[in-house]
Amino acid sequence: MNYRNTAQILRFARKFAADVIGAPGVCADNEDAILMPEDAGRQGVEPVVRKCVNYDGEAHAIAEWLLGRKAAGYQWGHMAVLYPRHYIGERFEQTFAKHGIPVDVAKSHHNRVETTRDAVRFLSMHNAKGLEFPCVAIGGLGALETESIEDDVRLTYVAITRATHEAFITYSNMSELVGRLVV
């Protein structure tokens, strides 16, 4: 039983990564056997995937979503924004400042999340492993292209499953990875 994610987030992430993650009990190379949860412990809302015209459009869409989550009663510190490349994160950070959204940039703290301040946690997808936040926005996914689509899928799966209540995903560039999200 998965108690971190809602059933909707878990189902979305598993569907997105099913062929890469594999079936329960299957091992890939040196990896341990995969133990897929049968279900999540609670219900929630479906993750939202939004196409935008460019990175600035993604930043504005994410800012509006964050402001909406704040209006719904979440504290800034319960939210995180994940991005695949630092240049995208820097553009997002500028837009959030214009909207009055406080951010805690993990890169400024040697890639560690600062918890003493009520601010949106702002970090790369690579640094999000092991963390969790009620509300997670993931932006710039069209820019995530490494040497292996399987590695990109695994990284995105981890990013999506950092959300315990709500997930919001944006892209402005089409890629093989994005194509898997919008099927």
Protein backbone atom coordinates (compact mmCIF):
# COMPACT_ATOMS: atom_id res chain seq x y z
CA MET A 1 0.00 0.00 0.00
CA ASN A 2 1.36 3.43 -0.97
CA TYR A 3 0.62 6.02 1.71
CA ARG A 4 2.60 8.90 0.18
CA ASN A 5 0.56 9.59 -2.94
CA THR A 6 -3.11 9.79 -3.70
CA ALA A 7 -4.54 7.04 -5.89
CA GLN A 8 -4.77 9.53 -8.79
CA ILE A 9 -1.10 10.58 -8.61
CA LEU A 10 0.05 6.97 -8.26
CA ARG A 11 -2.10 5.78 -11.19
CA PHE A 12 -0.90 8.69 -13.39
CA ALA A 13 2.78 8.04 -12.60
CA ARG A 14 2.51 4.26 -13.06
CA LYS A 15 0.73 4.66 -16.42
CA PHE A 16 3.38 7.14 -17.59
CA ALA A 17 6.30 4.88 -16.63
CA ALA A 18 4.83 1.37 -16.85
CA ASP A 19 7.01 0.05 -19.67
CA VAL A 20 10.22 1.44 -18.14
CA ILE A 21 9.60 0.54 -14.51
CA GLY A 22 8.30 -2.89 -15.42
CA ALA A 23 6.20 -5.41 -13.63
CA PRO A 24 6.47 -6.22 -9.92
CA GLY A 25 9.31 -8.59 -9.16
CA VAL A 26 11.19 -7.84 -12.39
CA CYS A 27 14.80 -6.68 -12.14
CA ALA A 28 16.55 -4.37 -14.58
CA ASP A 29 20.32 -4.97 -14.71
CA ASN A 30 21.72 -4.50 -11.18
CA GLU A 31 18.54 -3.07 -9.70
CA ASP A 32 16.52 -4.64 -6.91
CA ALA A 33 13.20 -6.28 -7.70
CA ILE A 34 10.43 -3.76 -8.26
CA LEU A 35 7.69 -3.71 -5.66
CA MET A 36 4.72 -1.84 -7.09
CA PRO A 37 2.10 -0.79 -4.59
CA GLU A 38 -1.32 -2.28 -5.19
CA ASP A 39 -3.09 0.95 -4.36
CA ALA A 40 -2.81 4.27 -2.58
CA GLY A 41 -4.25 4.88 0.84
CA ARG A 42 -6.39 7.87 -0.13
CA GLN A 43 -8.17 9.67 -2.92
CA GLY A 44 -7.37 13.10 -4.38
CA VAL A 45 -7.46 15.09 -7.60
CA GLU A 46 -6.05 14.05 -10.97
CA PRO A 47 -2.66 15.51 -11.88
CA VAL A 48 -2.96 18.34 -14.41
CA VAL A 49 -0.76 18.52 -17.52
CA ARG A 50 -0.75 21.88 -19.32
CA LYS A 51 0.83 22.85 -22.64
CA CYS A 52 2.19 26.41 -22.73
CA VAL A 53 3.69 28.52 -25.52
CA ASN A 54 7.15 28.92 -23.94
CA TYR A 55 9.03 28.79 -20.63
CA ASP A 56 7.66 32.17 -19.58
CA GLY A 57 4.15 30.85 -20.20
CA GLU A 58 4.98 27.81 -18.08
CA ALA A 59 6.27 30.07 -15.30
CA HIS A 60 3.07 32.13 -15.32
CA ALA A 61 0.88 29.00 -15.37
CA ILE A 62 2.79 27.53 -12.42
CA ALA A 63 2.65 30.87 -10.55
CA GLU A 64 -1.14 30.98 -10.98
CA TRP A 65 -1.41 27.39 -9.78
CA LEU A 66 0.74 28.14 -6.71
CA LEU A 67 -1.38 31.19 -5.89
CA GLY A 68 -4.48 29.02 -6.24
CA ARG A 69 -3.05 26.43 -3.85
CA LYS A 70 -2.24 29.22 -1.37
CA ALA A 71 -5.83 30.51 -1.66
CA ALA A 72 -7.05 26.94 -1.05
CA GLY A 73 -5.26 26.92 2.33
CA TYR A 74 -1.84 25.41 1.66
CA GLN A 75 1.19 27.12 3.17
CA TRP A 76 4.00 28.17 0.82
CA GLY A 77 6.27 25.62 2.51
CA HIS A 78 3.90 22.81 1.50
CA MET A 79 4.59 23.49 -2.17
CA ALA A 80 7.54 22.68 -4.39
CA VAL A 81 8.51 23.52 -7.95
CA LEU A 82 10.78 21.06 -9.75
CA TYR A 83 12.60 21.77 -13.01
CA PRO A 84 14.97 19.77 -15.24
CA ARG A 85 17.55 22.49 -16.08
CA HIS A 86 18.86 25.38 -13.98
CA TYR A 87 18.34 27.97 -16.73
CA ILE A 88 14.63 27.11 -16.69
CA GLY A 89 14.53 27.36 -12.91
CA GLU A 90 16.13 30.81 -13.07
CA ARG A 91 13.45 32.03 -15.49
CA PHE A 92 10.71 30.59 -13.30
CA GLU A 93 12.20 32.23 -10.20
CA GLN A 94 12.06 35.68 -11.85
CA THR A 95 8.40 35.24 -12.74
CA PHE A 96 7.49 34.04 -9.26
CA ALA A 97 9.13 37.15 -7.76
CA LYS A 98 6.89 39.32 -9.96
CA HIS A 99 3.87 37.46 -8.57
CA GLY A 100 5.06 37.90 -4.97
CA ILE A 101 5.64 34.18 -4.45
CA PRO A 102 8.42 33.54 -1.93
CA VAL A 103 10.84 30.83 -3.02
CA ASP A 104 13.55 28.91 -1.25
CA VAL A 105 16.11 28.01 -3.91
CA ALA A 106 17.83 24.77 -2.91
CA LYS A 107 20.77 25.62 -5.19
CA SER A 108 21.53 28.51 -2.81
CA HIS A 109 21.89 26.05 0.10
CA HIS A 110 24.18 23.47 -1.54
CA ASN A 111 21.10 21.72 -3.02
CA ARG A 112 19.42 21.32 0.35
CA VAL A 113 15.87 22.36 1.19
CA GLU A 114 15.66 25.10 3.82
CA THR A 115 12.71 24.51 6.15
CA THR A 116 12.87 27.50 8.48
CA ARG A 117 11.14 29.86 6.07
CA ASP A 118 7.59 29.65 4.68
CA ALA A 119 8.48 29.63 1.00
CA VAL A 120 7.91 27.45 -2.04
CA ARG A 121 10.68 24.85 -2.21
CA PHE A 122 12.45 25.33 -5.52
CA LEU A 123 14.80 22.59 -6.73
CA SER A 124 15.90 20.54 -9.69
CA MET A 125 14.20 17.25 -10.41
CA HIS A 126 17.52 15.52 -9.69
CA ASN A 127 17.60 16.89 -6.14
CA ALA A 128 14.00 15.98 -5.30
CA LYS A 129 14.54 12.26 -4.74
CA GLY A 130 13.55 11.25 -1.23
CA LEU A 131 11.54 14.42 -0.57
CA GLU A 132 7.79 14.91 -0.54
CA PHE A 133 5.47 17.90 -0.59
CA PRO A 134 1.67 18.17 -0.63
CA CYS A 135 1.68 20.26 -3.84
CA VAL A 136 4.28 19.82 -6.58
CA ALA A 137 4.58 21.66 -9.87
CA ILE A 138 6.98 20.30 -12.48
CA GLY A 139 7.90 22.64 -15.32
CA GLY A 140 10.06 22.58 -18.42
CA LEU A 141 9.70 18.86 -19.11
CA GLY A 142 10.18 19.36 -22.85
CA ALA A 143 13.79 20.32 -22.10
CA LEU A 144 14.58 17.07 -20.33
CA GLU A 145 16.60 15.05 -22.80
CA THR A 146 19.46 12.95 -21.58
CA GLU A 147 21.16 10.05 -23.28
CA SER A 148 18.33 7.67 -22.40
CA ILE A 149 14.56 8.05 -22.52
CA GLU A 150 14.38 5.39 -19.81
CA ASP A 151 16.46 7.58 -17.48
CA ASP A 152 14.24 10.59 -18.28
CA VAL A 153 11.12 8.54 -17.54
CA ARG A 154 12.54 7.31 -14.21
CA LEU A 155 13.50 10.85 -13.20
CA THR A 156 10.08 12.19 -14.16
CA TYR A 157 8.37 9.33 -12.29
CA VAL A 158 10.30 10.30 -9.16
CA ALA A 159 9.37 13.97 -9.67
CA ILE A 160 5.66 13.20 -10.08
CA THR A 161 5.58 10.98 -7.03
CA ARG A 162 7.05 13.72 -4.80
CA ALA A 163 3.49 15.12 -4.68
CA THR A 164 1.41 13.79 -1.81
CA HIS A 165 -1.83 15.65 -2.69
CA GLU A 166 -1.67 17.56 -5.98
CA ALA A 167 0.58 17.63 -9.05
CA PHE A 168 0.73 20.21 -11.85
CA ILE A 169 2.94 19.57 -14.89
CA THR A 170 3.80 22.00 -17.69
CA TYR A 171 5.67 21.79 -20.95
CA SER A 172 6.23 24.05 -23.95
CA ASN A 173 8.48 21.88 -26.10
CA MET A 174 7.34 18.56 -27.49
CA SER A 175 9.67 15.63 -26.88
CA GLU A 176 9.45 11.88 -26.65
CA LEU A 177 9.08 12.22 -22.89
CA VAL A 178 6.25 14.77 -23.17
CA GLY A 179 4.55 12.55 -25.72
CA ARG A 180 4.21 9.91 -23.01
CA LEU A 181 2.47 12.41 -20.71
CA VAL A 182 -0.14 13.62 -23.14
CA VAL A 183 -1.27 10.24 -24.49
